[in-house]
C-alpha atoms as a PDB file:
ATOM      1  CA  MET A   1     -71.956  80.021  -3.646  1.00  0.00           C
ATOM      2  CA  GLY A   2     -71.616  81.785  -6.578  1.00  0.00           C
ATOM      3  CA  ILE A   3     -73.266  78.784  -8.976  1.00  0.00           C
ATOM      4  CA  ALA A   4     -76.126  79.672  -6.428  1.00  0.00           C
ATOM      5  CA  VAL A   5     -75.794  83.363  -6.754  1.00  0.00           C
ATOM      6  CA  ALA A   6     -75.332  82.844 -10.809  1.00  0.00           C
ATOM      7  CA  LEU A   7     -78.663  80.598  -9.883  1.00  0.00           C
ATOM      8  CA  LEU A   8     -81.357  82.849  -8.188  1.00  0.00           C
ATOM      9  CA  GLY A   9     -80.440  85.816 -10.163  1.00  0.00           C
ATOM     10  CA  SER A  10     -80.710  83.644 -13.654  1.00  0.00           C
ATOM     11  CA  GLY A  11     -84.032  82.696 -12.069  1.00  0.00           C
ATOM     12  CA  LEU A  12     -85.677  86.177 -10.892  1.00  0.00           C
ATOM     13  CA  ALA A  13     -84.721  87.900 -14.966  1.00  0.00           C
ATOM     14  CA  LEU A  14     -86.164  84.308 -16.028  1.00  0.00           C
ATOM     15  CA  VAL A  15     -89.462  85.052 -14.243  1.00  0.00           C
ATOM     16  CA  ALA A  16     -89.493  89.020 -15.210  1.00  0.00           C
ATOM     17  CA  VAL A  17     -88.858  87.962 -19.617  1.00  0.00           C
ATOM     18  CA  VAL A  18     -91.372  85.402 -18.900  1.00  0.00           C
ATOM     19  CA  ALA A  19     -94.206  87.331 -17.276  1.00  0.00           C
ATOM     20  CA  SER A  20     -93.384  90.061 -19.985  1.00  0.00           C
ATOM     21  CA  SER A  21     -93.043  88.945 -23.517  1.00  0.00           C
ATOM     22  CA  GLY A  22     -94.415  84.524 -22.736  1.00  0.00           C
ATOM     23  CA  PRO A  23     -92.765  81.833 -22.431  1.00  0.00           C
ATOM     24  CA  LEU A  24     -89.082  81.335 -24.478  1.00  0.00           C
ATOM     25  CA  THR A  25     -87.841  78.189 -25.927  1.00  0.00           C
ATOM     26  CA  ALA A  26     -83.869  77.259 -26.373  1.00  0.00           C
ATOM     27  CA  ALA A  27     -81.479  73.986 -28.191  1.00  0.00           C
ATOM     28  CA  SER A  28     -84.238  73.605 -31.455  1.00  0.00           C
ATOM     29  CA  GLY A  29     -86.766  72.496 -28.681  1.00  0.00           C
ATOM     30  CA  LEU A  30     -85.416  70.828 -25.932  1.00  0.00           C
ATOM     31  CA  LEU A  31     -85.260  73.992 -23.166  1.00  0.00           C
ATOM     32  CA  ARG A  32     -88.203  75.591 -22.582  1.00  0.00           C
ATOM     33  CA  VAL A  33     -89.185  78.371 -20.031  1.00  0.00           C
ATOM     34  CA  ASP A  34     -92.665  79.093 -18.879  1.00  0.00           C
ATOM     35  CA  ALA A  35     -93.733  80.871 -15.626  1.00  0.00           C
ATOM     36  CA  LEU A  36     -93.068  77.728 -13.411  1.00  0.00           C
ATOM     37  CA  SER A  37     -90.254  76.716 -14.709  1.00  0.00           C
ATOM     38  CA  ALA A  38     -88.673  80.104 -13.978  1.00  0.00           C
ATOM     39  CA  TRP A  39     -90.416  79.971 -10.574  1.00  0.00           C
ATOM     40  CA  MET A  40     -89.105  76.535  -9.834  1.00  0.00           C
ATOM     41  CA  LEU A  41     -84.941  77.878 -10.616  1.00  0.00           C
ATOM     42  CA  THR A  42     -85.666  80.885  -8.300  1.00  0.00           C
ATOM     43  CA  VAL A  43     -87.164  78.648  -5.393  1.00  0.00           C
ATOM     44  CA  ILE A  44     -83.697  75.591  -6.669  1.00  0.00           C
ATOM     45  CA  GLY A  45     -81.596  78.716  -6.397  1.00  0.00           C
ATOM     46  CA  ALA A  46     -82.759  80.601  -3.331  1.00  0.00           C
ATOM     47  CA  VAL A  47     -82.887  77.524  -1.954  1.00  0.00           C
ATOM     48  CA  ALA A  48     -79.204  76.706  -2.517  1.00  0.00           C
ATOM     49  CA  VAL A  49     -78.360  80.020  -1.183  1.00  0.00           C
ATOM     50  CA  ILE A  50     -79.951  79.281   2.208  1.00  0.00           C
ATOM     51  CA  ALA A  51     -78.520  75.717   2.433  1.00  0.00           C
ATOM     52  CA  LEU A  52     -74.895  76.359   1.143  1.00  0.00           C
ATOM     53  CA  TRP A  53     -74.477  80.504   2.624  1.00  0.00           C
ATOM     54  CA  GLY A  54     -72.016  78.796   6.193  1.00  0.00           C
ATOM     55  CA  GLY A  55     -69.967  77.340   2.950  1.00  0.00           C
ATOM     56  CA  ILE A  56     -69.663  73.278   2.312  1.00  0.00           C
ATOM     57  CA  PRO A  57     -68.535  70.884   5.251  1.00  0.00           C
ATOM     58  CA  HIS A  58     -65.300  70.344   6.114  1.00  0.00           C
ATOM     59  CA  ARG A  59     -66.283  67.674   7.659  1.00  0.00           C
ATOM     60  CA  VAL A  60     -66.649  64.506   5.185  1.00  0.00           C
ATOM     61  CA  HIS A  61     -65.158  60.989   4.766  1.00  0.00           C
ATOM     62  CA  ARG A  62     -61.601  60.720   5.424  1.00  0.00           C
ATOM     63  CA  GLY A  63     -59.227  60.897   1.985  1.00  0.00           C
ATOM     64  CA  ARG A  64     -62.335  62.592   0.090  1.00  0.00           C
ATOM     65  CA  ASN A  65     -61.414  65.814  -1.502  1.00  0.00           C
ATOM     66  CA  ILE A  66     -63.430  68.966  -0.344  1.00  0.00           C
ATOM     67  CA  GLY A  67     -63.158  69.823  -3.945  1.00  0.00           C
ATOM     68  CA  THR A  68     -64.680  66.516  -5.169  1.00  0.00           C
ATOM     69  CA  PHE A  69     -67.599  67.317  -3.017  1.00  0.00           C
ATOM     70  CA  ALA A  70     -68.646  70.914  -4.331  1.00  0.00           C
ATOM     71  CA  THR A  71     -68.357  69.254  -7.835  1.00  0.00           C
ATOM     72  CA  LEU A  72     -71.001  66.593  -6.652  1.00  0.00           C
ATOM     73  CA  LEU A  73     -72.289  69.764  -5.313  1.00  0.00           C
ATOM     74  CA  CYS A  74     -72.723  71.699  -8.513  1.00  0.00           C
ATOM     75  CA  LEU A  75     -73.923  68.690 -10.428  1.00  0.00           C
ATOM     76  CA  PHE A  76     -76.921  68.157  -8.264  1.00  0.00           C
ATOM     77  CA  LEU A  77     -77.791  72.366  -8.697  1.00  0.00           C
ATOM     78  CA  ALA A  78     -77.642  71.516 -12.835  1.00  0.00           C
ATOM     79  CA  ALA A  79     -79.391  68.116 -13.030  1.00  0.00           C
ATOM     80  CA  MET A  80     -82.103  69.840 -11.041  1.00  0.00           C
ATOM     81  CA  SER A  81     -82.472  72.994 -12.875  1.00  0.00           C
ATOM     82  CA  LEU A  82     -82.342  71.256 -16.159  1.00  0.00           C
ATOM     83  CA  ALA A  83     -85.586  69.004 -14.842  1.00  0.00           C
ATOM     84  CA  VAL A  84     -87.375  71.741 -14.377  1.00  0.00           C
ATOM     85  CA  LEU A  85     -85.846  73.750 -18.169  1.00  0.00           C
ATOM     86  CA  ALA A  86     -86.174  70.584 -20.239  1.00  0.00           C
ATOM     87  CA  ASP A  87     -89.580  70.507 -22.465  1.00  0.00           C
ATOM     88  CA  ASN A  88     -88.267  67.635 -23.251  1.00  0.00           C
ATOM     89  CA  LEU A  89     -90.107  64.429 -21.810  1.00  0.00           C
ATOM     90  CA  GLY A  90     -86.412  62.422 -21.747  1.00  0.00           C
ATOM     91  CA  LEU A  91     -84.308  65.269 -20.890  1.00  0.00           C
ATOM     92  CA  MET A  92     -86.614  65.326 -18.052  1.00  0.00           C
ATOM     93  CA  TRP A  93     -86.066  61.873 -16.846  1.00  0.00           C
ATOM     94  CA  VAL A  94     -82.095  62.496 -17.422  1.00  0.00           C
ATOM     95  CA  ALA A  95     -81.370  65.551 -15.245  1.00  0.00           C
ATOM     96  CA  ILE A  96     -84.226  63.660 -12.463  1.00  0.00           C
ATOM     97  CA  GLU A  97     -82.176  60.091 -12.739  1.00  0.00           C
ATOM     98  CA  LEU A  98     -78.710  62.334 -12.372  1.00  0.00           C
ATOM     99  CA  THR A  99     -80.653  63.357  -9.683  1.00  0.00           C
ATOM    100  CA  THR A 100     -79.962  60.263  -7.451  1.00  0.00           C
ATOM    101  CA  ILE A 101     -76.430  59.769  -8.923  1.00  0.00           C
ATOM    102  CA  THR A 102     -74.814  62.715  -7.580  1.00  0.00           C
ATOM    103  CA  THR A 103     -77.225  62.505  -4.380  1.00  0.00           C
ATOM    104  CA  ALA A 104     -76.762  58.980  -3.507  1.00  0.00           C
ATOM    105  CA  PHE A 105     -72.333  60.207  -3.610  1.00  0.00           C
ATOM    106  CA  LEU A 106     -73.471  63.193  -1.456  1.00  0.00           C
ATOM    107  CA  VAL A 107     -75.246  61.259   0.954  1.00  0.00           C
ATOM    108  CA  GLY A 108     -72.534  59.076   1.643  1.00  0.00           C
ATOM    109  CA  SER A 109     -69.543  61.791   1.581  1.00  0.00           C
ATOM    110  CA  ARG A 110     -69.593  61.252   6.058  1.00  0.00           C
ATOM    111  CA  GLY A 111     -68.544  58.160   5.744  1.00  0.00           C
ATOM    112  CA  GLY A 112     -69.029  54.857   7.781  1.00  0.00           C
ATOM    113  CA  LYS A 113     -71.751  52.573   8.099  1.00  0.00           C
ATOM    114  CA  GLY A 114     -74.872  54.587   8.106  1.00  0.00           C
ATOM    115  CA  ALA A 115     -73.540  56.566   5.222  1.00  0.00           C
ATOM    116  CA  LEU A 116     -73.203  54.149   3.248  1.00  0.00           C
ATOM    117  CA  GLU A 117     -76.444  51.852   4.087  1.00  0.00           C
ATOM    118  CA  ALA A 118     -78.485  55.406   3.276  1.00  0.00           C
ATOM    119  CA  ALA A 119     -76.672  55.893   0.077  1.00  0.00           C
ATOM    120  CA  TRP A 120     -77.564  52.687  -1.469  1.00  0.00           C
ATOM    121  CA  LYS A 121     -81.345  52.267  -0.080  1.00  0.00           C
ATOM    122  CA  TYR A 122     -81.703  55.692  -1.750  1.00  0.00           C
ATOM    123  CA  VAL A 123     -79.582  54.435  -4.695  1.00  0.00           C
ATOM    124  CA  VAL A 124     -82.208  51.383  -5.703  1.00  0.00           C
ATOM    125  CA  LEU A 125     -84.804  53.147  -4.437  1.00  0.00           C
ATOM    126  CA  GLY A 126     -84.576  55.965  -6.662  1.00  0.00           C
ATOM    127  CA  SER A 127     -82.885  53.829  -9.620  1.00  0.00           C
ATOM    128  CA  VAL A 128     -86.578  51.528  -9.225  1.00  0.00           C
ATOM    129  CA  GLY A 129     -88.030  54.727  -9.308  1.00  0.00           C
ATOM    130  CA  VAL A 130     -86.883  56.136 -12.558  1.00  0.00           C
ATOM    131  CA  ALA A 131     -86.886  53.541 -13.740  1.00  0.00           C
ATOM    132  CA  VAL A 132     -91.117  53.155 -13.767  1.00  0.00           C
ATOM    133  CA  ALA A 133     -90.797  55.971 -14.788  1.00  0.00           C
ATOM    134  CA  PHE A 134     -88.328  55.914 -18.122  1.00  0.00           C
ATOM    135  CA  LEU A 135     -90.907  53.307 -18.985  1.00  0.00           C
ATOM    136  CA  GLY A 136     -93.894  55.269 -18.546  1.00  0.00           C
ATOM    137  CA  ILE A 137     -92.875  58.257 -20.595  1.00  0.00           C
ATOM    138  CA  VAL A 138     -92.351  55.702 -23.625  1.00  0.00           C
ATOM    139  CA  LEU A 139     -95.882  54.718 -23.142  1.00  0.00           C
ATOM    140  CA  LEU A 140     -96.611  57.343 -23.155  1.00  0.00           C
ATOM    141  CA  ALA A 141     -94.354  57.858 -26.774  1.00  0.00           C
ATOM    142  CA  ALA A 142     -95.786  55.306 -27.904  1.00  0.00           C
ATOM    143  CA  ALA A 143     -99.189  57.358 -27.198  1.00  0.00           C
ATOM    144  CA  SER A 144     -98.090  60.168 -29.986  1.00  0.00           C
ATOM    145  CA  ARG A 145     -97.592  58.116 -33.066  1.00  0.00           C
ATOM    146  CA  ALA A 146    -101.847  58.232 -33.191  1.00  0.00           C
ATOM    147  CA  THR A 147    -100.623  62.174 -34.154  1.00  0.00           C
ATOM    148  CA  GLY A 148     -98.420  61.268 -36.762  1.00  0.00           C
ATOM    149  CA  GLU A 149     -95.155  60.820 -35.157  1.00  0.00           C
ATOM    150  CA  PRO A 150     -94.229  60.014 -31.681  1.00  0.00           C
ATOM    151  CA  SER A 151     -92.307  63.170 -29.892  1.00  0.00           C
ATOM    152  CA  LEU A 152     -91.651  63.517 -26.184  1.00  0.00           C
ATOM    153  CA  SER A 153     -92.076  67.394 -26.609  1.00  0.00           C
ATOM    154  CA  TRP A 154     -94.162  68.053 -23.771  1.00  0.00           C
ATOM    155  CA  THR A 155     -95.627  71.094 -25.252  1.00  0.00           C
ATOM    156  CA  VAL A 156     -96.230  68.529 -28.644  1.00  0.00           C
ATOM    157  CA  LEU A 157     -97.937  66.221 -26.139  1.00  0.00           C
ATOM    158  CA  LEU A 158    -100.144  68.458 -24.203  1.00  0.00           C
ATOM    159  CA  ALA A 159    -101.618  70.145 -27.749  1.00  0.00           C
ATOM    160  CA  ASN A 160    -102.116  66.600 -29.047  1.00  0.00           C
ATOM    161  CA  ALA A 161    -103.241  65.853 -26.287  1.00  0.00           C
ATOM    162  CA  GLY A 162    -107.006  64.783 -27.816  1.00  0.00           C
ATOM    163  CA  ALA A 163    -105.122  62.181 -30.233  1.00  0.00           C
ATOM    164  CA  LEU A 164    -103.715  60.388 -28.310  1.00  0.00           C
ATOM    165  CA  ASP A 165    -103.813  56.190 -27.825  1.00  0.00           C
ATOM    166  CA  PRO A 166    -106.183  56.782 -24.407  1.00  0.00           C
ATOM    167  CA  ALA A 167    -105.220  53.246 -22.759  1.00  0.00           C
ATOM    168  CA  LEU A 168    -101.389  54.308 -23.950  1.00  0.00           C
ATOM    169  CA  THR A 169    -101.639  57.126 -22.093  1.00  0.00           C
ATOM    170  CA  ARG A 170    -103.553  56.162 -19.145  1.00  0.00           C
ATOM    171  CA  ALA A 171    -100.891  53.435 -18.436  1.00  0.00           C
ATOM    172  CA  GLY A 172     -97.509  55.637 -19.332  1.00  0.00           C
ATOM    173  CA  GLY A 173     -99.024  58.338 -16.945  1.00  0.00           C
ATOM    174  CA  ALA A 174     -99.280  56.942 -14.122  1.00  0.00           C
ATOM    175  CA  LEU A 175     -96.343  54.471 -14.607  1.00  0.00           C
ATOM    176  CA  ALA A 176     -94.513  58.568 -14.850  1.00  0.00           C
ATOM    177  CA  VAL A 177     -96.206  59.593 -11.487  1.00  0.00           C
ATOM    178  CA  LEU A 178     -95.805  56.926  -9.918  1.00  0.00           C
ATOM    179  CA  GLY A 179     -92.425  56.279 -10.351  1.00  0.00           C
ATOM    180  CA  PHE A 180     -91.199  60.420  -9.647  1.00  0.00           C
ATOM    181  CA  ALA A 181     -93.711  59.018  -6.408  1.00  0.00           C
ATOM    182  CA  THR A 182     -90.854  57.129  -5.149  1.00  0.00           C
ATOM    183  CA  LYS A 183     -88.311  60.685  -5.412  1.00  0.00           C
ATOM    184  CA  ALA A 184     -91.453  62.997  -4.550  1.00  0.00           C
ATOM    185  CA  GLY A 185     -90.943  60.533  -1.051  1.00  0.00           C
ATOM    186  CA  LEU A 186     -94.424  58.640  -1.319  1.00  0.00           C
ATOM    187  CA  ALA A 187     -95.793  56.515   0.426  1.00  0.00           C
ATOM    188  CA  PRO A 188     -95.131  53.193   0.550  1.00  0.00           C
ATOM    189  CA  THR A 189     -91.083  54.309  -1.483  1.00  0.00           C
ATOM    190  CA  HIS A 190     -90.491  56.355   0.735  1.00  0.00           C
ATOM    191  CA  SER A 191     -88.116  54.617   2.810  1.00  0.00           C
ATOM    192  CA  TRP A 192     -84.540  55.793   1.531  1.00  0.00           C
ATOM    193  CA  LEU A 193     -86.045  59.231   2.683  1.00  0.00           C
ATOM    194  CA  PRO A 194     -85.261  60.070   6.521  1.00  0.00           C
ATOM    195  CA  ASP A 195     -81.885  57.746   5.541  1.00  0.00           C
ATOM    196  CA  ALA A 196     -80.699  59.592   3.542  1.00  0.00           C
ATOM    197  CA  HIS A 197     -81.654  63.128   5.182  1.00  0.00           C
ATOM    198  CA  SER A 198     -80.078  62.116   8.464  1.00  0.00           C
ATOM    199  CA  GLN A 199     -76.986  60.270   6.782  1.00  0.00           C
ATOM    200  CA  ALA A 200     -76.962  63.635   4.986  1.00  0.00           C
ATOM    201  CA  PRO A 201     -74.758  66.766   5.292  1.00  0.00           C
ATOM    202  CA  ALA A 202     -76.406  69.636   6.453  1.00  0.00           C
ATOM    203  CA  THR A 203     -76.103  71.725   3.248  1.00  0.00           C
ATOM    204  CA  VAL A 204     -76.943  68.272   0.746  1.00  0.00           C
ATOM    205  CA  SER A 205     -80.474  67.411   3.590  1.00  0.00           C
ATOM    206  CA  GLY A 206     -81.875  71.149   2.853  1.00  0.00           C
ATOM    207  CA  LEU A 207     -80.718  70.983  -0.685  1.00  0.00           C
ATOM    208  CA  MET A 208     -82.958  67.515  -1.080  1.00  0.00           C
ATOM    209  CA  SER A 209     -85.542  68.389   1.236  1.00  0.00           C
ATOM    210  CA  GLY A 210     -85.872  72.432   0.192  1.00  0.00           C
ATOM    211  CA  VAL A 211     -85.227  71.653  -3.863  1.00  0.00           C
ATOM    212  CA  LEU A 212     -84.785  67.947  -4.322  1.00  0.00           C
ATOM    213  CA  LEU A 213     -88.584  66.873  -4.417  1.00  0.00           C
ATOM    214  CA  SER A 214     -90.004  69.462  -5.477  1.00  0.00           C
ATOM    215  CA  VAL A 215     -87.900  68.944  -8.904  1.00  0.00           C
ATOM    216  CA  ALA A 216     -90.385  65.371  -8.301  1.00  0.00           C
ATOM    217  CA  PHE A 217     -93.138  67.258  -8.283  1.00  0.00           C
ATOM    218  CA  TYR A 218     -92.863  69.007 -11.382  1.00  0.00           C
ATOM    219  CA  ALA A 219     -92.023  66.509 -12.295  1.00  0.00           C
ATOM    220  CA  ILE A 220     -95.715  64.212 -12.159  1.00  0.00           C
ATOM    221  CA  LEU A 221     -97.277  68.319 -12.541  1.00  0.00           C
ATOM    222  CA  ARG A 222     -95.514  67.945 -15.918  1.00  0.00           C
ATOM    223  CA  VAL A 223     -97.069  63.963 -16.714  1.00  0.00           C
ATOM    224  CA  GLN A 224    -100.834  65.473 -14.680  1.00  0.00           C
ATOM    225  CA  ALA A 225    -100.932  68.003 -17.687  1.00  0.00           C
ATOM    226  CA  ILE A 226    -100.878  65.861 -20.229  1.00  0.00           C
ATOM    227  CA  THR A 227    -103.059  62.722 -19.010  1.00  0.00           C
ATOM    228  CA  ASP A 228    -105.763  65.080 -17.958  1.00  0.00           C
ATOM    229  CA  ALA A 229    -106.224  67.612 -20.765  1.00  0.00           C
ATOM    230  CA  ALA A 230    -106.302  63.436 -22.919  1.00  0.00           C
ATOM    231  CA  LEU A 231    -108.116  61.643 -20.294  1.00  0.00           C
ATOM    232  CA  GLY A 232    -109.909  63.844 -17.570  1.00  0.00           C
ATOM    233  CA  PRO A 233    -109.019  64.856 -14.206  1.00  0.00           C
ATOM    234  CA  ASP A 234    -110.066  61.282 -12.194  1.00  0.00           C
ATOM    235  CA  LEU A 235    -107.436  59.419 -13.125  1.00  0.00           C
ATOM    236  CA  MET A 236    -104.167  61.647 -11.280  1.00  0.00           C
ATOM    237  CA  ARG A 237    -107.137  62.740  -8.729  1.00  0.00           C
ATOM    238  CA  ILE A 238    -107.311  59.584  -7.448  1.00  0.00           C
ATOM    239  CA  LEU A 239    -103.384  58.776  -8.277  1.00  0.00           C
ATOM    240  CA  LEU A 240    -101.882  61.534  -6.252  1.00  0.00           C
ATOM    241  CA  VAL A 241    -104.888  61.573  -3.720  1.00  0.00           C
ATOM    242  CA  THR A 242    -104.245  57.863  -2.831  1.00  0.00           C
ATOM    243  CA  ALA A 243    -100.880  58.450  -2.172  1.00  0.00           C
ATOM    244  CA  GLY A 244    -101.471  61.789  -0.327  1.00  0.00           C
ATOM    245  CA  LEU A 245    -103.304  60.045   2.244  1.00  0.00           C
ATOM    246  CA  LEU A 246    -101.140  56.461   2.071  1.00  0.00           C
ATOM    247  CA  SER A 247     -98.087  58.617   3.088  1.00  0.00           C
ATOM    248  CA  LEU A 248     -99.703  60.773   5.895  1.00  0.00           C
ATOM    249  CA  ALA A 249    -101.487  56.898   7.592  1.00  0.00           C
ATOM    250  CA  VAL A 250     -97.654  56.338   7.165  1.00  0.00           C
ATOM    251  CA  THR A 251     -96.732  58.675   8.755  1.00  0.00           C
ATOM    252  CA  ALA A 252     -98.779  58.658  11.612  1.00  0.00           C
ATOM    253  CA  GLY A 253     -98.153  55.570  12.261  1.00  0.00           C
ATOM    254  CA  LEU A 254     -94.588  56.089  13.051  1.00  0.00           C
ATOM    255  CA  VAL A 255     -95.279  58.941  15.848  1.00  0.00           C
ATOM    256  CA  ILE A 256     -97.383  56.742  17.488  1.00  0.00           C
ATOM    257  CA  THR A 257     -95.232  53.629  17.736  1.00  0.00           C
ATOM    258  CA  GLN A 258     -91.213  55.542  18.547  1.00  0.00           C
ATOM    259  CA  LYS A 259     -90.000  55.483  21.068  1.00  0.00           C
END
């Protein structure tokens, strides 16, 4: 609970600082806080405070230490915070992959066949998604070679968007968005979401639905900003509208056919 309160306080403080003095950087430019990332950190802290208000659930798998569960929760929160504070797209990818690893253990912490199946499904689909996103980020770095030196910095890529290789930017942006869309639960790679949410402890399910999906959309927005500046908005508009409509169609079909 203390970690959640600290995240909320840090987010609110950063919102005030960024509003008055502009974006902040740290760790030789690997970390960057602007208005969006500061608000995202605030949201992560707020949802964590609410989710952990009742304390850590004590009904976990037999033999699993409560301390291990709490440690995984802290790592989960740290990974999401790092993802929204990272200026380097590679570091953001590592943080999102870390959320996959920690969440898989948290989903399976209740034990039983259903929880184990949900955890494995989440690992497989989540890993495929982040692997596709990794390929997209590599292509974006390759596209930046036209500017003189390859870079994974979001600010550098955005500033030099006009000089990026159009073909590599188009392929890399599309793959990165499709990969992160898996973590966001968009169709057709959405099937992990109902199983993981139903089998995870209430605290974990609240964090996953409240902020983990939002962190994945945050990554999509960062990539979209680069591709829109380099290629115009049409590519991402088509991809995201198609994924959104497909997700709504799948949801409506499941609601109609369920018994």
